Protein backbone atom coordinates (compact mmCIF):
# COMPACT_ATOMS: atom_id res chain seq x y z
CA MET A 1 1.74 67.59 -36.80
CA LEU A 2 0.24 68.60 -32.95
CA PRO A 3 1.72 71.54 -31.74
CA PRO A 4 4.23 71.20 -28.80
CA ILE A 5 3.79 70.75 -25.31
CA ASN A 6 6.83 71.72 -23.50
CA ALA A 7 5.46 71.80 -19.95
CA LEU A 8 2.17 70.67 -18.29
CA VAL A 9 -0.31 72.25 -15.57
CA ILE A 10 -2.49 70.03 -13.70
CA MET A 11 -5.38 72.06 -13.00
CA GLY A 12 -8.75 71.73 -10.88
CA VAL A 13 -10.42 72.74 -7.96
CA ALA A 14 -9.34 71.22 -4.28
CA GLY A 15 -9.71 67.51 -4.18
CA CYS A 16 -9.44 66.62 -8.15
CA GLY A 17 -6.12 64.61 -7.62
CA LYS A 18 -3.51 67.53 -8.67
CA SER A 19 -0.55 66.92 -6.92
CA SER A 20 -1.26 62.84 -7.24
CA VAL A 21 -1.59 62.89 -10.53
CA SER A 22 1.39 65.35 -11.23
CA GLN A 23 3.60 63.01 -9.40
CA ALA A 24 2.43 60.03 -11.11
CA ILE A 25 3.05 61.93 -14.56
CA CYS A 26 6.57 62.45 -13.41
CA ALA A 27 7.06 58.81 -12.60
CA LEU A 28 6.10 57.53 -15.77
CA ASN A 29 8.15 60.17 -17.92
CA GLY A 30 10.93 61.74 -15.71
CA ALA A 31 9.28 65.22 -15.67
CA THR A 32 9.95 67.69 -12.73
CA PRO A 33 7.20 68.15 -10.32
CA ILE A 34 6.10 71.44 -9.04
CA GLU A 35 3.83 71.50 -6.18
CA GLY A 36 1.96 75.06 -6.90
CA ASP A 37 1.08 74.91 -3.04
CA ALA A 38 4.67 74.99 -1.89
CA PHE A 39 4.90 78.68 -3.68
CA HIS A 40 1.84 80.29 -1.47
CA PRO A 41 3.03 83.01 0.64
CA PRO A 42 2.56 82.53 4.50
CA GLU A 43 -0.48 84.99 4.35
CA ASN A 44 -2.23 83.08 1.55
CA ILE A 45 -2.17 79.84 3.50
CA ARG A 46 -3.41 81.82 6.85
CA LYS A 47 -6.39 83.13 5.03
CA MET A 48 -7.15 79.58 3.06
CA SER A 49 -6.44 77.79 6.74
CA ALA A 50 -9.04 80.12 8.01
CA GLY A 51 -11.64 79.72 5.19
CA ILE A 52 -10.92 82.88 3.31
CA PRO A 53 -11.04 82.76 -0.29
CA LEU A 54 -7.88 84.63 -1.96
CA THR A 55 -8.58 87.45 -4.13
CA ASP A 56 -6.88 87.96 -7.60
CA ALA A 57 -4.29 90.30 -5.99
CA ASP A 58 -3.69 87.36 -3.51
CA ARG A 59 -2.98 85.04 -6.22
CA SER A 60 -0.59 87.68 -8.22
CA GLY A 61 2.66 87.24 -6.43
CA TRP A 62 2.05 83.21 -6.28
CA LEU A 63 1.17 83.33 -9.81
CA GLY A 64 4.44 85.14 -10.72
CA SER A 65 6.60 82.89 -8.83
CA LEU A 66 5.08 79.66 -10.62
CA CYS A 67 5.88 81.34 -13.97
CA ASP A 68 9.27 81.70 -12.81
CA GLU A 69 9.83 78.17 -11.66
CA LEU A 70 8.45 77.01 -14.62
CA ARG A 71 11.03 79.08 -16.62
CA ARG A 72 13.75 77.76 -14.57
CA SER A 73 13.13 74.13 -15.18
CA ILE A 74 12.39 74.38 -18.94
CA ASP A 75 15.89 76.47 -19.04
CA ALA A 76 17.72 73.78 -17.07
CA GLY A 77 16.36 71.22 -19.82
CA GLN A 78 13.80 69.75 -16.78
CA PRO A 79 10.31 69.45 -18.52
CA PRO A 80 8.27 70.48 -15.51
CA VAL A 81 4.47 69.22 -14.43
CA LEU A 82 2.95 72.07 -12.46
CA SER A 83 0.11 71.18 -9.89
CA CYS A 84 -1.97 74.26 -9.80
CA SER A 85 -5.32 75.21 -9.79
CA ALA A 86 -5.63 77.47 -12.17
CA LEU A 87 -9.35 78.28 -11.82
CA LYS A 88 -9.72 81.50 -13.83
CA ARG A 89 -8.85 81.99 -17.27
CA SER A 90 -6.91 84.81 -16.41
CA TYR A 91 -4.51 82.97 -14.52
CA ARG A 92 -3.92 80.28 -17.18
CA GLU A 93 -3.17 83.07 -19.85
CA ARG A 94 -0.70 84.53 -17.53
CA LEU A 95 0.97 81.25 -17.22
CA ARG A 96 0.73 80.61 -21.05
CA SER A 97 2.40 83.84 -21.57
CA ALA A 98 4.99 83.08 -19.52
CA VAL A 99 5.81 79.58 -20.87
CA PRO A 100 5.19 79.32 -24.57
CA GLY A 101 3.94 75.31 -25.27
CA LEU A 102 2.32 75.22 -21.80
CA GLY A 103 -0.62 72.49 -21.87
CA PHE A 104 -3.30 72.04 -19.25
CA VAL A 105 -4.91 68.80 -17.79
CA TYR A 106 -8.15 70.15 -16.54
CA LEU A 107 -9.35 67.21 -13.65
CA GLU A 108 -12.97 67.87 -13.85
CA LEU A 109 -15.09 66.64 -10.80
CA THR A 110 -18.59 67.21 -9.19
CA PRO A 111 -18.55 69.44 -5.46
CA ALA A 112 -19.79 66.42 -4.08
CA VAL A 113 -16.90 64.52 -4.38
CA ALA A 114 -14.39 67.49 -4.23
CA ALA A 115 -15.60 67.65 -0.75
CA ARG A 116 -15.71 64.44 0.13
CA ARG A 117 -11.98 63.95 -0.81
CA VAL A 118 -10.72 67.25 0.66
CA ALA A 119 -12.75 66.01 4.19
CA GLU A 120 -10.36 62.95 3.80
CA ARG A 121 -6.86 64.66 3.30
CA PRO A 122 -4.86 64.61 6.59
CA GLY A 123 -3.07 67.77 7.40
CA HIS A 124 -3.79 70.12 4.36
CA PHE A 125 -4.34 73.65 5.11
CA MET A 126 -7.59 73.73 2.88
CA PRO A 127 -10.72 73.11 4.76
CA THR A 128 -13.75 71.65 3.11
CA SER A 129 -15.65 75.01 3.64
CA MET A 130 -13.28 76.36 0.90
CA ILE A 131 -15.14 73.96 -1.57
CA ASP A 132 -18.16 76.36 -2.67
CA SER A 133 -15.68 79.36 -3.34
CA GLN A 134 -13.46 77.35 -5.58
CA PHE A 135 -16.24 76.21 -7.73
CA ALA A 136 -17.40 79.62 -7.57
CA THR A 137 -14.56 81.29 -8.98
CA LEU A 138 -13.71 77.97 -11.62
CA GLU A 139 -13.61 79.06 -15.19
CA PRO A 140 -13.13 75.92 -17.11
CA PRO A 141 -10.90 75.59 -19.85
CA VAL A 142 -13.66 74.94 -22.55
CA ASP A 143 -12.32 75.51 -25.92
CA GLU A 144 -8.70 76.65 -24.88
CA PRO A 145 -5.69 75.62 -26.52
CA LEU A 146 -3.58 72.79 -25.43
CA THR A 147 -5.95 71.51 -23.07
CA LEU A 148 -7.06 68.30 -22.44
CA VAL A 149 -10.20 67.56 -19.96
CA LEU A 150 -10.27 64.31 -17.76
CA ASP A 151 -13.22 63.23 -15.76
CA ALA A 152 -11.41 62.69 -12.12
CA SER A 153 -14.91 61.48 -10.94
CA ARG A 154 -14.91 58.40 -12.58
CA GLN A 155 -11.11 57.70 -13.03
CA ASN A 156 -8.52 56.68 -10.68
CA ILE A 157 -4.70 58.18 -10.07
CA PRO A 158 -2.94 55.71 -12.38
CA GLN A 159 -5.75 56.17 -15.39
CA LEU A 160 -5.69 59.83 -15.12
CA ALA A 161 -2.00 60.01 -14.89
CA THR A 162 -1.63 57.34 -18.05
CA ALA A 163 -4.09 59.29 -20.37
CA ALA A 164 -2.57 62.98 -19.61
CA HIS A 165 0.95 61.28 -20.36
CA HIS A 166 -0.38 59.72 -23.36
CA TRP A 167 -1.68 63.01 -24.54
CA TRP A 168 1.57 64.90 -23.34
CA ARG A 169 3.60 62.74 -25.76
CA GLN A 170 1.58 63.03 -29.01
CA HIS A 171 2.74 66.85 -28.38
CA GLU A 172 6.48 66.21 -27.68
CA PRO A 173 8.38 68.81 -29.16
CA ASP A 174 10.95 67.32 -31.74
């Protein structure tokens, strides 16, 4: 029997498809989407919009809000799917400590693909100039528990969502 997964985090750098994959998974299984970007305080948005990378201190309150939102959703009986960069292992460990049985789907892609996709997004606060800092901060979730790695450079949104959905179903709590 596989360990149960009570909630998912769709993670990766800007442009990997986190929000789209999260929405598609929720459409497949009726889970509750949580858009991590919606929980950034205005100062974080201002910094990122200006091309200034966030520090661990900048992300601390944001991660706390995400932990609270994940717990609220689970307590309400609504399994959540959080789209969140979760670039560092310490960020993922903080989320894991708040929500036992948290699974991560890492959407891996190349810097070139990330830059192209971010440049093509209309109206998003994240400028293309931030891609390098995202990859510099990224600590890939190698050998971390309850983690699925998917190639977001070669698979489209429906393929990624279907793979993540099937993996999650294999880990459904009793």
